[in-house]
Every structure is written in C-alpha cells, then in structure tokens.
Amino acid sequence: MPRRETLEQEPSTGNVFADLGLADAGEHLIKAGLVVRIDRTIRQRKLTQAAAAQLMGIDQPKFSAMLAGQFRGYSVERLMRFLVALGHDVEIVVKPRKRGTAELRVA
C-alpha cells in the first residue's frame, strides 16, 4: 500500500486576498461580495449578461470580465449602484464592533 503524502496546511485569515498578501485586501473582499450578489441576482432573475449589462450601463464584455473576477477597476460605490440598477436596495449600516477587530462585510 503506497504511503499517503501529508499536505502542509496554513490557517486562513478568512480573507483570501489577505492570505495572498494583496494590498487593500479588505476592499477586494467587499468588492467580491458585491459581485457575488450581482451574479446571484442575474441568475435569480434569469437575465442574460447582455440584459444585465444594459441595466447597469456597461457593455457585456466588461460585465463578463467582472463576473470572472476582474473587478479592480470598479469602486465599491459603483458596484453598489449596479445592485440598485438591478432592483436592490443597498443599505450601509455603521455600528460599534461587538468584539475583536472592526470589519467591513457584505451581509
């Protein structure tokens, strides 16, 4: 019986962008969360990428690239505006942290 190789594991911070050592990891995580919401919305509404892009005021290739993870060129505000264009209310809530480090997140 061949011997199984043990893989080395490294604990995650909970933010893959921080784990990769990227600058502005928190902002990248927020943007990724917003893009996930955009993707879920178009799937639930059964919109084509072209129809969704038109609602958001961008062209389909840019929309496709955004869904593929190329969203660095978009601000958090613009991604929130895309969600509004797709029929969502976007609410920003500021509250004292409960414990640990304060954080930004998409709920």
N, C-alpha and C. Protein backbone atom coordinates (compact mmCIF):
# COMPACT_ATOMS: atom_id res chain seq x y z
N MET A 1 0.84 -1.16 0.00
CA MET A 1 0.00 0.00 0.00
C MET A 1 0.90 1.24 0.00
N PRO A 2 0.68 2.16 -0.96
CA PRO A 2 1.53 3.36 -1.03
C PRO A 2 1.28 4.28 0.16
N ARG A 3 2.32 4.95 0.54
CA ARG A 3 2.25 5.86 1.68
C ARG A 3 1.60 7.18 1.24
N ARG A 4 0.67 7.67 2.03
CA ARG A 4 -0.02 8.92 1.70
C ARG A 4 0.85 10.10 2.07
N GLU A 5 0.90 11.05 1.18
CA GLU A 5 1.66 12.26 1.43
C GLU A 5 0.83 13.21 2.28
N THR A 6 1.43 13.81 3.28
CA THR A 6 0.74 14.77 4.12
C THR A 6 0.91 16.15 3.51
N LEU A 7 -0.22 16.81 3.30
CA LEU A 7 -0.17 18.16 2.75
C LEU A 7 0.00 19.17 3.88
N GLU A 8 0.81 20.15 3.61
CA GLU A 8 1.01 21.20 4.60
C GLU A 8 -0.16 22.18 4.52
N GLN A 9 -0.71 22.52 5.66
CA GLN A 9 -1.83 23.45 5.70
C GLN A 9 -1.45 24.72 6.42
N GLU A 10 -2.03 25.78 5.94
CA GLU A 10 -1.80 27.08 6.56
C GLU A 10 -3.16 27.65 6.95
N PRO A 11 -3.32 28.11 8.18
CA PRO A 11 -4.62 28.65 8.58
C PRO A 11 -4.96 29.92 7.78
N SER A 12 -6.25 30.10 7.50
CA SER A 12 -6.72 31.26 6.74
C SER A 12 -7.10 32.38 7.69
N THR A 13 -6.97 33.59 7.19
CA THR A 13 -7.41 34.76 7.94
C THR A 13 -8.92 34.97 7.77
N GLY A 14 -9.52 34.24 6.83
CA GLY A 14 -10.92 34.46 6.49
C GLY A 14 -11.07 35.38 5.30
N ASN A 15 -9.95 35.92 4.82
CA ASN A 15 -9.94 36.78 3.65
C ASN A 15 -8.86 36.26 2.70
N VAL A 16 -9.29 35.64 1.63
CA VAL A 16 -8.34 35.03 0.69
C VAL A 16 -7.39 36.07 0.11
N PHE A 17 -7.85 37.31 -0.05
CA PHE A 17 -6.99 38.35 -0.60
C PHE A 17 -5.87 38.71 0.38
N ALA A 18 -6.17 38.71 1.67
CA ALA A 18 -5.13 38.94 2.69
C ALA A 18 -4.18 37.75 2.72
N ASP A 19 -4.73 36.54 2.60
CA ASP A 19 -3.90 35.34 2.61
C ASP A 19 -2.90 35.36 1.45
N LEU A 20 -3.31 35.97 0.34
CA LEU A 20 -2.44 36.07 -0.83
C LEU A 20 -1.48 37.25 -0.73
N GLY A 21 -1.64 38.06 0.32
CA GLY A 21 -0.74 39.19 0.53
C GLY A 21 -1.05 40.40 -0.32
N LEU A 22 -2.28 40.51 -0.81
CA LEU A 22 -2.63 41.64 -1.66
C LEU A 22 -2.89 42.89 -0.82
N ALA A 23 -2.46 44.03 -1.35
CA ALA A 23 -2.77 45.30 -0.71
C ALA A 23 -4.27 45.54 -0.82
N ASP A 24 -4.84 46.26 0.11
CA ASP A 24 -6.28 46.57 0.12
C ASP A 24 -7.14 45.31 0.11
N ALA A 25 -6.72 44.31 0.87
CA ALA A 25 -7.42 43.03 0.90
C ALA A 25 -8.86 43.18 1.37
N GLY A 26 -9.12 44.05 2.33
CA GLY A 26 -10.48 44.26 2.81
C GLY A 26 -11.39 44.80 1.73
N GLU A 27 -10.88 45.74 0.96
CA GLU A 27 -11.68 46.31 -0.14
C GLU A 27 -11.95 45.26 -1.21
N HIS A 28 -10.95 44.44 -1.52
CA HIS A 28 -11.15 43.37 -2.51
C HIS A 28 -12.23 42.39 -2.04
N LEU A 29 -12.24 42.09 -0.75
CA LEU A 29 -13.22 41.16 -0.22
C LEU A 29 -14.64 41.74 -0.32
N ILE A 30 -14.78 43.03 -0.03
CA ILE A 30 -16.08 43.70 -0.15
C ILE A 30 -16.53 43.67 -1.60
N LYS A 31 -15.64 44.01 -2.52
CA LYS A 31 -15.99 44.01 -3.94
C LYS A 31 -16.41 42.62 -4.40
N ALA A 32 -15.68 41.61 -3.97
CA ALA A 32 -16.02 40.24 -4.35
C ALA A 32 -17.41 39.87 -3.84
N GLY A 33 -17.73 40.28 -2.61
CA GLY A 33 -19.05 40.00 -2.06
C GLY A 33 -20.15 40.68 -2.86
N LEU A 34 -19.90 41.91 -3.29
CA LEU A 34 -20.89 42.63 -4.10
C LEU A 34 -21.07 41.97 -5.47
N VAL A 35 -19.97 41.53 -6.07
CA VAL A 35 -20.05 40.86 -7.37
C VAL A 35 -20.81 39.54 -7.24
N VAL A 36 -20.61 38.84 -6.14
CA VAL A 36 -21.37 37.60 -5.91
C VAL A 36 -22.86 37.92 -5.86
N ARG A 37 -23.24 39.01 -5.19
CA ARG A 37 -24.65 39.41 -5.13
C ARG A 37 -25.19 39.76 -6.51
N ILE A 38 -24.38 40.44 -7.31
CA ILE A 38 -24.79 40.78 -8.68
C ILE A 38 -25.03 39.51 -9.47
N ASP A 39 -24.10 38.57 -9.38
CA ASP A 39 -24.23 37.29 -10.09
C ASP A 39 -25.49 36.54 -9.65
N ARG A 40 -25.73 36.46 -8.34
CA ARG A 40 -26.93 35.78 -7.84
C ARG A 40 -28.20 36.43 -8.37
N THR A 41 -28.19 37.75 -8.41
CA THR A 41 -29.36 38.49 -8.86
C THR A 41 -29.68 38.19 -10.32
N ILE A 42 -28.67 38.21 -11.17
CA ILE A 42 -28.96 37.95 -12.59
C ILE A 42 -29.40 36.50 -12.81
N ARG A 43 -28.87 35.59 -12.02
CA ARG A 43 -29.30 34.20 -12.12
C ARG A 43 -30.75 34.04 -11.65
N GLN A 44 -31.09 34.65 -10.52
CA GLN A 44 -32.45 34.55 -9.99
C GLN A 44 -33.46 35.19 -10.94
N ARG A 45 -33.07 36.29 -11.55
CA ARG A 45 -33.98 36.98 -12.47
C ARG A 45 -33.93 36.40 -13.88
N LYS A 46 -33.02 35.42 -14.07
CA LYS A 46 -32.84 34.76 -15.37
C LYS A 46 -32.55 35.78 -16.49
N LEU A 47 -31.67 36.74 -16.15
CA LEU A 47 -31.25 37.74 -17.12
C LEU A 47 -30.05 37.24 -17.90
N THR A 48 -29.96 37.61 -19.15
CA THR A 48 -28.73 37.34 -19.89
C THR A 48 -27.69 38.36 -19.43
N GLN A 49 -26.43 38.07 -19.71
CA GLN A 49 -25.38 39.03 -19.37
C GLN A 49 -25.60 40.33 -20.13
N ALA A 50 -26.04 40.24 -21.36
CA ALA A 50 -26.28 41.44 -22.16
C ALA A 50 -27.39 42.29 -21.54
N ALA A 51 -28.47 41.66 -21.10
CA ALA A 51 -29.58 42.40 -20.49
C ALA A 51 -29.15 43.02 -19.17
N ALA A 52 -28.42 42.28 -18.36
CA ALA A 52 -27.95 42.81 -17.09
C ALA A 52 -26.98 43.96 -17.32
N ALA A 53 -26.07 43.80 -18.26
CA ALA A 53 -25.10 44.86 -18.56
C ALA A 53 -25.82 46.13 -19.01
N GLN A 54 -26.86 45.97 -19.82
CA GLN A 54 -27.61 47.14 -20.28
C GLN A 54 -28.27 47.86 -19.10
N LEU A 55 -28.86 47.12 -18.18
CA LEU A 55 -29.46 47.73 -16.99
C LEU A 55 -28.44 48.49 -16.17
N MET A 56 -27.22 47.97 -16.13
CA MET A 56 -26.16 48.57 -15.31
C MET A 56 -25.40 49.66 -16.05
N GLY A 57 -25.62 49.79 -17.36
CA GLY A 57 -24.96 50.84 -18.13
C GLY A 57 -23.54 50.53 -18.54
N ILE A 58 -23.22 49.25 -18.65
CA ILE A 58 -21.90 48.84 -19.16
C ILE A 58 -22.11 47.86 -20.30
N ASP A 59 -21.03 47.54 -21.03
CA ASP A 59 -21.20 46.58 -22.12
C ASP A 59 -21.01 45.15 -21.61
N GLN A 60 -21.49 44.20 -22.38
CA GLN A 60 -21.49 42.80 -21.96
C GLN A 60 -20.08 42.25 -21.72
N PRO A 61 -19.08 42.55 -22.58
CA PRO A 61 -17.74 42.02 -22.29
C PRO A 61 -17.18 42.50 -20.93
N LYS A 62 -17.46 43.76 -20.58
CA LYS A 62 -17.00 44.26 -19.28
C LYS A 62 -17.74 43.56 -18.14
N PHE A 63 -19.03 43.31 -18.35
CA PHE A 63 -19.81 42.60 -17.35
C PHE A 63 -19.29 41.18 -17.16
N SER A 64 -19.01 40.51 -18.27
CA SER A 64 -18.48 39.15 -18.21
C SER A 64 -17.14 39.11 -17.48
N ALA A 65 -16.28 40.08 -17.78
CA ALA A 65 -14.97 40.14 -17.12
C ALA A 65 -15.13 40.38 -15.62
N MET A 66 -16.10 41.21 -15.24
CA MET A 66 -16.35 41.48 -13.82
C MET A 66 -16.75 40.19 -13.11
N LEU A 67 -17.65 39.42 -13.73
CA LEU A 67 -18.07 38.15 -13.11
C LEU A 67 -16.94 37.14 -13.04
N ALA A 68 -15.96 37.28 -13.93
CA ALA A 68 -14.81 36.38 -13.94
C ALA A 68 -13.73 36.82 -12.94
N GLY A 69 -14.02 37.86 -12.15
CA GLY A 69 -13.08 38.28 -11.12
C GLY A 69 -12.26 39.50 -11.45
N GLN A 70 -12.49 40.10 -12.59
CA GLN A 70 -11.73 41.30 -12.97
C GLN A 70 -12.54 42.54 -12.60
N PHE A 71 -12.57 42.82 -11.29
CA PHE A 71 -13.39 43.94 -10.81
C PHE A 71 -12.56 45.03 -10.13
N ARG A 72 -11.26 45.00 -10.29
CA ARG A 72 -10.40 46.01 -9.66
C ARG A 72 -10.71 47.42 -10.16
N GLY A 73 -11.16 47.54 -11.40
CA GLY A 73 -11.44 48.86 -11.97
C GLY A 73 -12.75 49.46 -11.52
N TYR A 74 -13.50 48.75 -10.69
CA TYR A 74 -14.78 49.24 -10.20
C TYR A 74 -14.67 49.62 -8.74
N SER A 75 -15.23 50.75 -8.38
CA SER A 75 -15.24 51.15 -6.97
C SER A 75 -16.35 50.39 -6.26
N VAL A 76 -16.27 50.35 -4.94
CA VAL A 76 -17.32 49.74 -4.14
C VAL A 76 -18.64 50.47 -4.42
N GLU A 77 -18.58 51.79 -4.51
CA GLU A 77 -19.79 52.58 -4.77
C GLU A 77 -20.42 52.19 -6.12
N ARG A 78 -19.61 52.02 -7.14
CA ARG A 78 -20.16 51.68 -8.46
C ARG A 78 -20.81 50.29 -8.42
N LEU A 79 -20.19 49.35 -7.73
CA LEU A 79 -20.78 48.01 -7.61
C LEU A 79 -22.11 48.08 -6.87
N MET A 80 -22.19 48.94 -5.85
CA MET A 80 -23.45 49.11 -5.15
C MET A 80 -24.50 49.72 -6.08
N ARG A 81 -24.10 50.66 -6.93
CA ARG A 81 -25.02 51.26 -7.89
C ARG A 81 -25.52 50.22 -8.90
N PHE A 82 -24.65 49.27 -9.26
CA PHE A 82 -25.08 48.18 -10.15
C PHE A 82 -26.21 47.39 -9.49
N LEU A 83 -26.06 47.11 -8.20
CA LEU A 83 -27.11 46.38 -7.48
C LEU A 83 -28.42 47.17 -7.45
N VAL A 84 -28.33 48.47 -7.28
CA VAL A 84 -29.52 49.32 -7.31
C VAL A 84 -30.17 49.24 -8.70
N ALA A 85 -29.35 49.30 -9.75
CA ALA A 85 -29.87 49.21 -11.12
C ALA A 85 -30.56 47.87 -11.37
N LEU A 86 -30.14 46.84 -10.63
CA LEU A 86 -30.74 45.51 -10.77
C LEU A 86 -31.92 45.31 -9.83
N GLY A 87 -32.34 46.38 -9.15
CA GLY A 87 -33.55 46.31 -8.34
C GLY A 87 -33.36 46.05 -6.87
N HIS A 88 -32.16 46.24 -6.35
CA HIS A 88 -31.91 46.04 -4.92
C HIS A 88 -31.81 47.37 -4.20
N ASP A 89 -32.27 47.39 -2.96
CA ASP A 89 -31.94 48.49 -2.06
C ASP A 89 -30.58 48.15 -1.46
N VAL A 90 -29.72 49.14 -1.34
CA VAL A 90 -28.42 48.94 -0.71
C VAL A 90 -28.39 49.84 0.52
N GLU A 91 -28.10 49.24 1.66
CA GLU A 91 -28.11 49.95 2.93
C GLU A 91 -26.73 49.82 3.57
N ILE A 92 -26.19 50.93 4.03
CA ILE A 92 -24.92 50.92 4.74
C ILE A 92 -25.22 51.10 6.22
N VAL A 93 -24.77 50.17 7.03
CA VAL A 93 -25.02 50.20 8.47
C VAL A 93 -23.68 50.37 9.18
N VAL A 94 -23.62 51.36 10.04
CA VAL A 94 -22.43 51.59 10.85
C VAL A 94 -22.82 51.35 12.30
N LYS A 95 -22.07 50.47 12.97
CA LYS A 95 -22.37 50.17 14.36
C LYS A 95 -21.09 49.85 15.11
N PRO A 96 -21.10 49.98 16.43
CA PRO A 96 -19.91 49.65 17.20
C PRO A 96 -19.59 48.16 17.06
N ARG A 97 -18.33 47.85 17.06
CA ARG A 97 -17.95 46.43 16.97
C ARG A 97 -18.33 45.72 18.26
N LYS A 98 -18.62 44.44 18.12
CA LYS A 98 -19.00 43.65 19.30
C LYS A 98 -17.77 43.12 20.03
N ARG A 99 -16.82 42.63 19.28
CA ARG A 99 -15.58 42.12 19.87
C ARG A 99 -14.56 41.96 18.75
N GLY A 100 -13.31 41.85 19.12
CA GLY A 100 -12.26 41.69 18.12
C GLY A 100 -12.04 42.95 17.31
N THR A 101 -11.56 42.75 16.10
CA THR A 101 -11.25 43.85 15.21
C THR A 101 -12.49 44.26 14.43
N ALA A 102 -12.68 45.55 14.24
CA ALA A 102 -13.79 46.06 13.43
C ALA A 102 -13.57 45.58 11.99
N GLU A 103 -14.66 45.40 11.25
CA GLU A 103 -14.54 44.84 9.91
C GLU A 103 -15.56 45.44 8.94
N LEU A 104 -15.25 45.30 7.67
CA LEU A 104 -16.19 45.61 6.59
C LEU A 104 -16.69 44.29 6.07
N ARG A 105 -18.00 44.22 5.74
CA ARG A 105 -18.52 42.98 5.19
C ARG A 105 -19.78 43.24 4.41
N VAL A 106 -20.09 42.33 3.53
CA VAL A 106 -21.34 42.33 2.78
C VAL A 106 -22.24 41.31 3.43
N ALA A 107 -23.38 41.76 3.93
CA ALA A 107 -24.31 40.86 4.63
C ALA A 107 -25.38 40.34 3.70
